[in-house]
Amino acid sequence: MKAHDPDTSTNASPRPLVVGLTGGMAAGKSTVARMLETLGAAVWDADSVAKDLYKTHPQLRDAILERWGEALAIRNRQGEAMDIRRSALAQVIFQDPSELKWLESQVHPLVADAFEQWLKGLPSGTKVAVREAAILFESGSDQGCDLVVSVEADEALRIERVHQRAIQRGETPPTNEDLQGRLSRQWTSAQRMERADAVILNNDHDQLLPQVLALFDAWIGRPC
């Protein structure tokens, strides 16, 4: 567990406890994040920020189009590139690990900078700041956290949840090949559990809130 190193300078508010929140696909990470936010934690979603970068960061967008072609561009009526076609981008990067590595080298530093700016802008007195990220360990972002929590559930149950979500949205459920591809791009449950400071098990939704409450109470009870 990394030590919490608050800013104790005279003119600065104490730095909040930075909690990394990760977990396997459909394990319930976002549900836990919403619970923590309701309890009073500030929550930052790295995955959403990363997706928005294609729209908000023109230099990144231009670099992607230069590397993989203008066909990936989503353009406005004036013909200006405004976003990236996610499905086309996924086909490129997931077929070639070296291309995925290149994209991550472009995106991860921007996400890290965005998190630091968000952290600096939090209201005075914020005690817990949660950095939610599906690939927290894989990206090395855990190094900027005081501790890490991983949300886990049995793989068969997680796959069933993905199927049910797709059906509820009126979408075609992903194939087993697609699901295994997604799983292969994340650490295994065993790897995350070995590295995490705490693990929340979400095989039974009724047992989820008590675990979250226990952790949050422990965090806010720490001396700052």
C-alpha atoms as a PDB file:
ATOM      1  CA  MET A   1       0.000   0.000   0.000  1.00  0.00           C
ATOM      2  CA  LYS A   2       1.346   3.393  -0.960  1.00  0.00           C
ATOM      3  CA  ALA A   3       1.628   5.988   1.748  1.00  0.00           C
ATOM      4  CA  HIS A   4      -0.795   8.905   1.690  1.00  0.00           C
ATOM      5  CA  ASP A   5       1.389  12.006   1.406  1.00  0.00           C
ATOM      6  CA  PRO A   6      -0.851  15.008   2.091  1.00  0.00           C
ATOM      7  CA  ASP A   7       0.210  18.544   1.267  1.00  0.00           C
ATOM      8  CA  THR A   8       0.887  20.054   4.686  1.00  0.00           C
ATOM      9  CA  SER A   9       2.059  23.471   3.540  1.00  0.00           C
ATOM     10  CA  THR A  10       0.484  26.409   5.349  1.00  0.00           C
ATOM     11  CA  ASN A  11      -1.527  27.771   2.426  1.00  0.00           C
ATOM     12  CA  ALA A  12      -2.673  24.496   0.887  1.00  0.00           C
ATOM     13  CA  SER A  13      -5.605  22.266   1.770  1.00  0.00           C
ATOM     14  CA  PRO A  14      -4.685  18.675   2.626  1.00  0.00           C
ATOM     15  CA  ARG A  15      -4.420  16.514  -0.468  1.00  0.00           C
ATOM     16  CA  PRO A  16      -7.312  14.050  -0.698  1.00  0.00           C
ATOM     17  CA  LEU A  17      -6.723  10.341  -0.463  1.00  0.00           C
ATOM     18  CA  VAL A  18      -6.415   9.202  -4.092  1.00  0.00           C
ATOM     19  CA  VAL A  19      -8.074   5.830  -4.596  1.00  0.00           C
ATOM     20  CA  GLY A  20      -7.601   3.930  -7.828  1.00  0.00           C
ATOM     21  CA  LEU A  21     -10.709   1.956  -8.769  1.00  0.00           C
ATOM     22  CA  THR A  22     -10.440  -0.798 -11.344  1.00  0.00           C
ATOM     23  CA  GLY A  23     -11.942  -4.189 -12.135  1.00  0.00           C
ATOM     24  CA  GLY A  24     -12.765  -6.718 -14.784  1.00  0.00           C
ATOM     25  CA  MET A  25     -15.259  -6.223 -17.576  1.00  0.00           C
ATOM     26  CA  ALA A  26     -18.820  -6.065 -16.141  1.00  0.00           C
ATOM     27  CA  ALA A  27     -17.580  -6.735 -12.614  1.00  0.00           C
ATOM     28  CA  GLY A  28     -19.403  -3.647 -11.315  1.00  0.00           C
ATOM     29  CA  LYS A  29     -16.670  -1.005 -11.185  1.00  0.00           C
ATOM     30  CA  SER A  30     -18.956   1.814 -12.338  1.00  0.00           C
ATOM     31  CA  THR A  31     -21.633   0.788  -9.839  1.00  0.00           C
ATOM     32  CA  VAL A  32     -19.083   1.009  -7.033  1.00  0.00           C
ATOM     33  CA  ALA A  33     -17.956   4.407  -8.352  1.00  0.00           C
ATOM     34  CA  ARG A  34     -21.534   5.715  -8.180  1.00  0.00           C
ATOM     35  CA  MET A  35     -21.874   4.413  -4.628  1.00  0.00           C
ATOM     36  CA  LEU A  36     -18.655   6.146  -3.588  1.00  0.00           C
ATOM     37  CA  GLU A  37     -19.811   9.377  -5.215  1.00  0.00           C
ATOM     38  CA  THR A  38     -23.086   9.204  -3.283  1.00  0.00           C
ATOM     39  CA  LEU A  39     -21.105   8.754  -0.075  1.00  0.00           C
ATOM     40  CA  GLY A  40     -19.171  11.953  -0.785  1.00  0.00           C
ATOM     41  CA  ALA A  41     -16.111  10.912  -2.782  1.00  0.00           C
ATOM     42  CA  ALA A  42     -15.104  12.877  -5.871  1.00  0.00           C
ATOM     43  CA  VAL A  43     -15.023  10.476  -8.839  1.00  0.00           C
ATOM     44  CA  TRP A  44     -13.085  10.855 -12.096  1.00  0.00           C
ATOM     45  CA  ASP A  45     -13.736   8.454 -14.981  1.00  0.00           C
ATOM     46  CA  ALA A  46     -10.536   7.903 -16.967  1.00  0.00           C
ATOM     47  CA  ASP A  47     -12.283   5.851 -19.651  1.00  0.00           C
ATOM     48  CA  SER A  48     -14.746   8.645 -20.471  1.00  0.00           C
ATOM     49  CA  VAL A  49     -11.976  11.236 -20.527  1.00  0.00           C
ATOM     50  CA  ALA A  50      -9.911   9.080 -22.901  1.00  0.00           C
ATOM     51  CA  LYS A  51     -12.848   8.725 -25.295  1.00  0.00           C
ATOM     52  CA  ASP A  52     -13.502  12.481 -25.254  1.00  0.00           C
ATOM     53  CA  LEU A  53      -9.877  13.223 -26.159  1.00  0.00           C
ATOM     54  CA  TYR A  54     -10.571  12.277 -29.780  1.00  0.00           C
ATOM     55  CA  LYS A  55     -13.020  15.180 -29.923  1.00  0.00           C
ATOM     56  CA  THR A  56     -11.334  17.676 -27.620  1.00  0.00           C
ATOM     57  CA  HIS A  57      -7.649  17.248 -28.499  1.00  0.00           C
ATOM     58  CA  PRO A  58      -7.010  18.127 -32.160  1.00  0.00           C
ATOM     59  CA  GLN A  59      -3.304  17.249 -32.018  1.00  0.00           C
ATOM     60  CA  LEU A  60      -4.150  13.685 -30.960  1.00  0.00           C
ATOM     61  CA  ARG A  61      -6.828  13.452 -33.630  1.00  0.00           C
ATOM     62  CA  ASP A  62      -4.448  14.699 -36.312  1.00  0.00           C
ATOM     63  CA  ALA A  63      -1.752  12.227 -35.226  1.00  0.00           C
ATOM     64  CA  ILE A  64      -4.224   9.339 -35.504  1.00  0.00           C
ATOM     65  CA  LEU A  65      -5.384  10.394 -38.955  1.00  0.00           C
ATOM     66  CA  GLU A  66      -1.810  10.861 -40.133  1.00  0.00           C
ATOM     67  CA  ARG A  67      -0.890   7.371 -38.936  1.00  0.00           C
ATOM     68  CA  TRP A  68      -3.958   5.425 -40.062  1.00  0.00           C
ATOM     69  CA  GLY A  69      -5.668   7.496 -42.706  1.00  0.00           C
ATOM     70  CA  GLU A  70      -8.445  10.008 -43.212  1.00  0.00           C
ATOM     71  CA  ALA A  71     -11.064   7.253 -43.440  1.00  0.00           C
ATOM     72  CA  LEU A  72     -11.110   7.196 -39.625  1.00  0.00           C
ATOM     73  CA  ALA A  73     -12.315  10.810 -39.431  1.00  0.00           C
ATOM     74  CA  ILE A  74     -15.817  11.905 -38.509  1.00  0.00           C
ATOM     75  CA  ARG A  75     -16.345  15.255 -40.231  1.00  0.00           C
ATOM     76  CA  ASN A  76     -18.778  18.121 -39.854  1.00  0.00           C
ATOM     77  CA  ARG A  77     -20.689  19.746 -42.721  1.00  0.00           C
ATOM     78  CA  GLN A  78     -17.701  21.928 -43.495  1.00  0.00           C
ATOM     79  CA  GLY A  79     -15.531  18.845 -43.960  1.00  0.00           C
ATOM     80  CA  GLU A  80     -13.505  19.413 -40.795  1.00  0.00           C
ATOM     81  CA  ALA A  81     -12.424  16.381 -38.782  1.00  0.00           C
ATOM     82  CA  MET A  82     -14.229  16.532 -35.418  1.00  0.00           C
ATOM     83  CA  ASP A  83     -13.928  13.006 -34.046  1.00  0.00           C
ATOM     84  CA  ILE A  84     -12.600   9.497 -34.730  1.00  0.00           C
ATOM     85  CA  ARG A  85     -14.619   6.462 -35.805  1.00  0.00           C
ATOM     86  CA  ARG A  86     -14.231   4.209 -32.778  1.00  0.00           C
ATOM     87  CA  SER A  87     -15.147   0.958 -34.545  1.00  0.00           C
ATOM     88  CA  ALA A  88     -12.638   1.569 -37.344  1.00  0.00           C
ATOM     89  CA  LEU A  89      -9.946   2.527 -34.847  1.00  0.00           C
ATOM     90  CA  ALA A  90     -10.614  -0.632 -32.833  1.00  0.00           C
ATOM     91  CA  GLN A  91     -10.156  -2.798 -35.905  1.00  0.00           C
ATOM     92  CA  VAL A  92      -6.738  -1.271 -36.502  1.00  0.00           C
ATOM     93  CA  ILE A  93      -5.296  -1.352 -33.006  1.00  0.00           C
ATOM     94  CA  PHE A  94      -6.631  -4.707 -31.855  1.00  0.00           C
ATOM     95  CA  GLN A  95      -5.236  -6.537 -34.866  1.00  0.00           C
ATOM     96  CA  ASP A  96      -1.706  -5.301 -34.220  1.00  0.00           C
ATOM     97  CA  PRO A  97      -0.331  -5.002 -30.665  1.00  0.00           C
ATOM     98  CA  SER A  98       2.327  -2.534 -31.824  1.00  0.00           C
ATOM     99  CA  GLU A  99      -0.363  -0.145 -33.076  1.00  0.00           C
ATOM    100  CA  LEU A 100      -2.242  -0.408 -29.788  1.00  0.00           C
ATOM    101  CA  LYS A 101       0.976   0.355 -27.961  1.00  0.00           C
ATOM    102  CA  TRP A 102       1.513   3.451 -30.115  1.00  0.00           C
ATOM    103  CA  LEU A 103      -2.003   4.727 -29.395  1.00  0.00           C
ATOM    104  CA  GLU A 104      -1.578   4.155 -25.681  1.00  0.00           C
ATOM    105  CA  SER A 105       1.692   6.103 -25.760  1.00  0.00           C
ATOM    106  CA  GLN A 106      -0.261   9.058 -27.143  1.00  0.00           C
ATOM    107  CA  VAL A 107      -3.365   8.795 -24.971  1.00  0.00           C
ATOM    108  CA  HIS A 108      -2.070   7.810 -21.522  1.00  0.00           C
ATOM    109  CA  PRO A 109       0.036  10.957 -20.895  1.00  0.00           C
ATOM    110  CA  LEU A 110      -2.913  13.159 -21.878  1.00  0.00           C
ATOM    111  CA  VAL A 111      -5.216  11.270 -19.526  1.00  0.00           C
ATOM    112  CA  ALA A 112      -2.661  11.585 -16.724  1.00  0.00           C
ATOM    113  CA  ASP A 113      -2.412  15.349 -17.259  1.00  0.00           C
ATOM    114  CA  ALA A 114      -6.200  15.661 -17.262  1.00  0.00           C
ATOM    115  CA  PHE A 115      -6.419  13.802 -13.967  1.00  0.00           C
ATOM    116  CA  GLU A 116      -3.848  16.051 -12.307  1.00  0.00           C
ATOM    117  CA  GLN A 117      -5.733  19.144 -13.440  1.00  0.00           C
ATOM    118  CA  TRP A 118      -8.981  17.697 -12.104  1.00  0.00           C
ATOM    119  CA  LEU A 119      -7.323  16.819  -8.796  1.00  0.00           C
ATOM    120  CA  LYS A 120      -5.960  20.334  -8.383  1.00  0.00           C
ATOM    121  CA  GLY A 121      -9.392  21.801  -9.041  1.00  0.00           C
ATOM    122  CA  LEU A 122     -11.263  19.808  -6.395  1.00  0.00           C
ATOM    123  CA  PRO A 123     -13.028  21.805  -3.669  1.00  0.00           C
ATOM    124  CA  SER A 124     -11.138  22.415  -0.464  1.00  0.00           C
ATOM    125  CA  GLY A 125     -11.911  19.746   2.086  1.00  0.00           C
ATOM    126  CA  THR A 126     -12.386  16.881  -0.386  1.00  0.00           C
ATOM    127  CA  LYS A 127     -11.286  13.803   1.518  1.00  0.00           C
ATOM    128  CA  VAL A 128     -11.436  11.045  -1.108  1.00  0.00           C
ATOM    129  CA  ALA A 129     -10.731  11.324  -4.835  1.00  0.00           C
ATOM    130  CA  VAL A 130     -11.455   8.207  -6.906  1.00  0.00           C
ATOM    131  CA  ARG A 131      -9.653   7.538 -10.164  1.00  0.00           C
ATOM    132  CA  GLU A 132     -11.844   5.032 -12.002  1.00  0.00           C
ATOM    133  CA  ALA A 133     -10.102   3.198 -14.850  1.00  0.00           C
ATOM    134  CA  ALA A 134     -10.568  -0.172 -16.527  1.00  0.00           C
ATOM    135  CA  ILE A 135      -6.839  -0.475 -17.269  1.00  0.00           C
ATOM    136  CA  LEU A 136      -5.463   1.244 -14.181  1.00  0.00           C
ATOM    137  CA  PHE A 137      -2.638  -1.262 -13.683  1.00  0.00           C
ATOM    138  CA  GLU A 138      -2.004  -1.826 -17.386  1.00  0.00           C
ATOM    139  CA  SER A 139      -1.481   1.908 -17.984  1.00  0.00           C
ATOM    140  CA  GLY A 140       0.689   2.398 -14.898  1.00  0.00           C
ATOM    141  CA  SER A 141      -1.842   4.848 -13.472  1.00  0.00           C
ATOM    142  CA  ASP A 142      -1.892   2.974 -10.164  1.00  0.00           C
ATOM    143  CA  GLN A 143       1.466   4.601  -9.421  1.00  0.00           C
ATOM    144  CA  GLY A 144      -0.299   7.919  -8.883  1.00  0.00           C
ATOM    145  CA  CYS A 145      -2.752   6.464  -6.350  1.00  0.00           C
ATOM    146  CA  ASP A 146      -2.419   6.107  -2.595  1.00  0.00           C
ATOM    147  CA  LEU A 147      -4.220   2.771  -2.761  1.00  0.00           C
ATOM    148  CA  VAL A 148      -6.103   0.674  -5.293  1.00  0.00           C
ATOM    149  CA  VAL A 149      -9.412  -1.169  -5.069  1.00  0.00           C
ATOM    150  CA  SER A 150     -10.341  -3.846  -7.604  1.00  0.00           C
ATOM    151  CA  VAL A 151     -13.942  -4.926  -8.180  1.00  0.00           C
ATOM    152  CA  GLU A 152     -14.164  -8.588  -9.120  1.00  0.00           C
ATOM    153  CA  ALA A 153     -16.785 -11.192 -10.049  1.00  0.00           C
ATOM    154  CA  ASP A 154     -16.750 -14.659 -11.536  1.00  0.00           C
ATOM    155  CA  GLU A 155     -15.927 -14.596 -15.262  1.00  0.00           C
ATOM    156  CA  ALA A 156     -19.026 -16.561 -16.289  1.00  0.00           C
ATOM    157  CA  LEU A 157     -21.216 -14.111 -14.399  1.00  0.00           C
ATOM    158  CA  ARG A 158     -19.490 -11.119 -15.985  1.00  0.00           C
ATOM    159  CA  ILE A 159     -20.005 -12.536 -19.474  1.00  0.00           C
ATOM    160  CA  GLU A 160     -23.676 -13.109 -18.703  1.00  0.00           C
ATOM    161  CA  ARG A 161     -23.995  -9.493 -17.541  1.00  0.00           C
ATOM    162  CA  VAL A 162     -22.498  -8.252 -20.814  1.00  0.00           C
ATOM    163  CA  HIS A 163     -25.033 -10.300 -22.776  1.00  0.00           C
ATOM    164  CA  GLN A 164     -27.945  -9.072 -20.667  1.00  0.00           C
ATOM    165  CA  ARG A 165     -26.886  -5.427 -21.018  1.00  0.00           C
ATOM    166  CA  ALA A 166     -26.735  -5.761 -24.784  1.00  0.00           C
ATOM    167  CA  ILE A 167     -30.216  -7.298 -24.872  1.00  0.00           C
ATOM    168  CA  GLN A 168     -31.625  -4.552 -22.633  1.00  0.00           C
ATOM    169  CA  ARG A 169     -30.225  -1.932 -25.004  1.00  0.00           C
ATOM    170  CA  GLY A 170     -31.700  -3.677 -28.015  1.00  0.00           C
ATOM    171  CA  GLU A 171     -28.233  -4.572 -29.295  1.00  0.00           C
ATOM    172  CA  THR A 172     -26.839  -7.829 -30.620  1.00  0.00           C
ATOM    173  CA  PRO A 173     -24.848  -9.504 -27.835  1.00  0.00           C
ATOM    174  CA  PRO A 174     -21.119  -9.770 -28.560  1.00  0.00           C
ATOM    175  CA  THR A 175     -19.735 -13.069 -29.740  1.00  0.00           C
ATOM    176  CA  ASN A 176     -17.605 -15.207 -27.453  1.00  0.00           C
ATOM    177  CA  GLU A 177     -14.636 -14.313 -29.656  1.00  0.00           C
ATOM    178  CA  ASP A 178     -15.255 -10.599 -29.092  1.00  0.00           C
ATOM    179  CA  LEU A 179     -15.605 -11.104 -25.353  1.00  0.00           C
ATOM    180  CA  GLN A 180     -12.435 -13.134 -25.093  1.00  0.00           C
ATOM    181  CA  GLY A 181     -10.658 -10.434 -27.060  1.00  0.00           C
ATOM    182  CA  ARG A 182     -11.788  -7.809 -24.564  1.00  0.00           C
ATOM    183  CA  LEU A 183     -10.768  -9.974 -21.631  1.00  0.00           C
ATOM    184  CA  SER A 184      -7.334 -10.596 -23.152  1.00  0.00           C
ATOM    185  CA  ARG A 185      -6.636  -6.858 -23.207  1.00  0.00           C
ATOM    186  CA  GLN A 186      -7.081  -6.595 -19.449  1.00  0.00           C
ATOM    187  CA  TRP A 187      -5.172  -8.152 -16.604  1.00  0.00           C
ATOM    188  CA  THR A 188      -6.704 -11.296 -15.145  1.00  0.00           C
ATOM    189  CA  SER A 189      -8.637 -11.217 -11.882  1.00  0.00           C
ATOM    190  CA  ALA A 190      -5.736 -12.990 -10.188  1.00  0.00           C
ATOM    191  CA  GLN A 191      -3.271 -10.332 -11.350  1.00  0.00           C
ATOM    192  CA  ARG A 192      -5.469  -7.455 -10.194  1.00  0.00           C
ATOM    193  CA  MET A 193      -6.239  -9.057  -6.843  1.00  0.00           C
ATOM    194  CA  GLU A 194      -2.560  -9.668  -6.182  1.00  0.00           C
ATOM    195  CA  ARG A 195      -1.694  -5.995  -6.786  1.00  0.00           C
ATOM    196  CA  ALA A 196      -4.763  -4.305  -5.282  1.00  0.00           C
ATOM    197  CA  ASP A 197      -4.820  -3.030  -1.709  1.00  0.00           C
ATOM    198  CA  ALA A 198      -8.462  -4.068  -1.360  1.00  0.00           C
ATOM    199  CA  VAL A 199     -10.870  -6.261  -3.334  1.00  0.00           C
ATOM    200  CA  ILE A 200     -14.644  -5.884  -3.603  1.00  0.00           C
ATOM    201  CA  LEU A 201     -16.448  -9.066  -4.636  1.00  0.00           C
ATOM    202  CA  ASN A 202     -19.585  -8.516  -6.688  1.00  0.00           C
ATOM    203  CA  ASN A 203     -21.059 -11.934  -7.360  1.00  0.00           C
ATOM    204  CA  ASP A 204     -24.067 -10.938  -5.238  1.00  0.00           C
ATOM    205  CA  HIS A 205     -25.383  -7.356  -5.529  1.00  0.00           C
ATOM    206  CA  ASP A 206     -26.837  -7.557  -2.009  1.00  0.00           C
ATOM    207  CA  GLN A 207     -23.306  -7.869  -0.629  1.00  0.00           C
ATOM    208  CA  LEU A 208     -21.901  -4.954  -2.603  1.00  0.00           C
ATOM    209  CA  LEU A 209     -22.970  -1.914  -0.569  1.00  0.00           C
ATOM    210  CA  PRO A 210     -21.749  -3.256   2.815  1.00  0.00           C
ATOM    211  CA  GLN A 211     -18.268  -3.760   1.351  1.00  0.00           C
ATOM    212  CA  VAL A 212     -18.213  -0.253  -0.140  1.00  0.00           C
ATOM    213  CA  LEU A 213     -19.429   1.314   3.113  1.00  0.00           C
ATOM    214  CA  ALA A 214     -16.773  -0.494   5.143  1.00  0.00           C
ATOM    215  CA  LEU A 215     -13.980   0.715   2.879  1.00  0.00           C
ATOM    216  CA  PHE A 216     -15.231   4.293   2.711  1.00  0.00           C
ATOM    217  CA  ASP A 217     -15.614   4.498   6.484  1.00  0.00           C
ATOM    218  CA  ALA A 218     -12.029   3.292   6.860  1.00  0.00           C
ATOM    219  CA  TRP A 219     -10.778   5.916   4.402  1.00  0.00           C
ATOM    220  CA  ILE A 220     -12.483   8.941   5.951  1.00  0.00           C
ATOM    221  CA  GLY A 221     -11.470   7.773   9.389  1.00  0.00           C
ATOM    222  CA  ARG A 222      -7.790   8.074   8.482  1.00  0.00           C
ATOM    223  CA  PRO A 223      -5.839  11.044   9.838  1.00  0.00           C
ATOM    224  CA  CYS A 224      -5.121  13.621   7.109  1.00  0.00           C
END
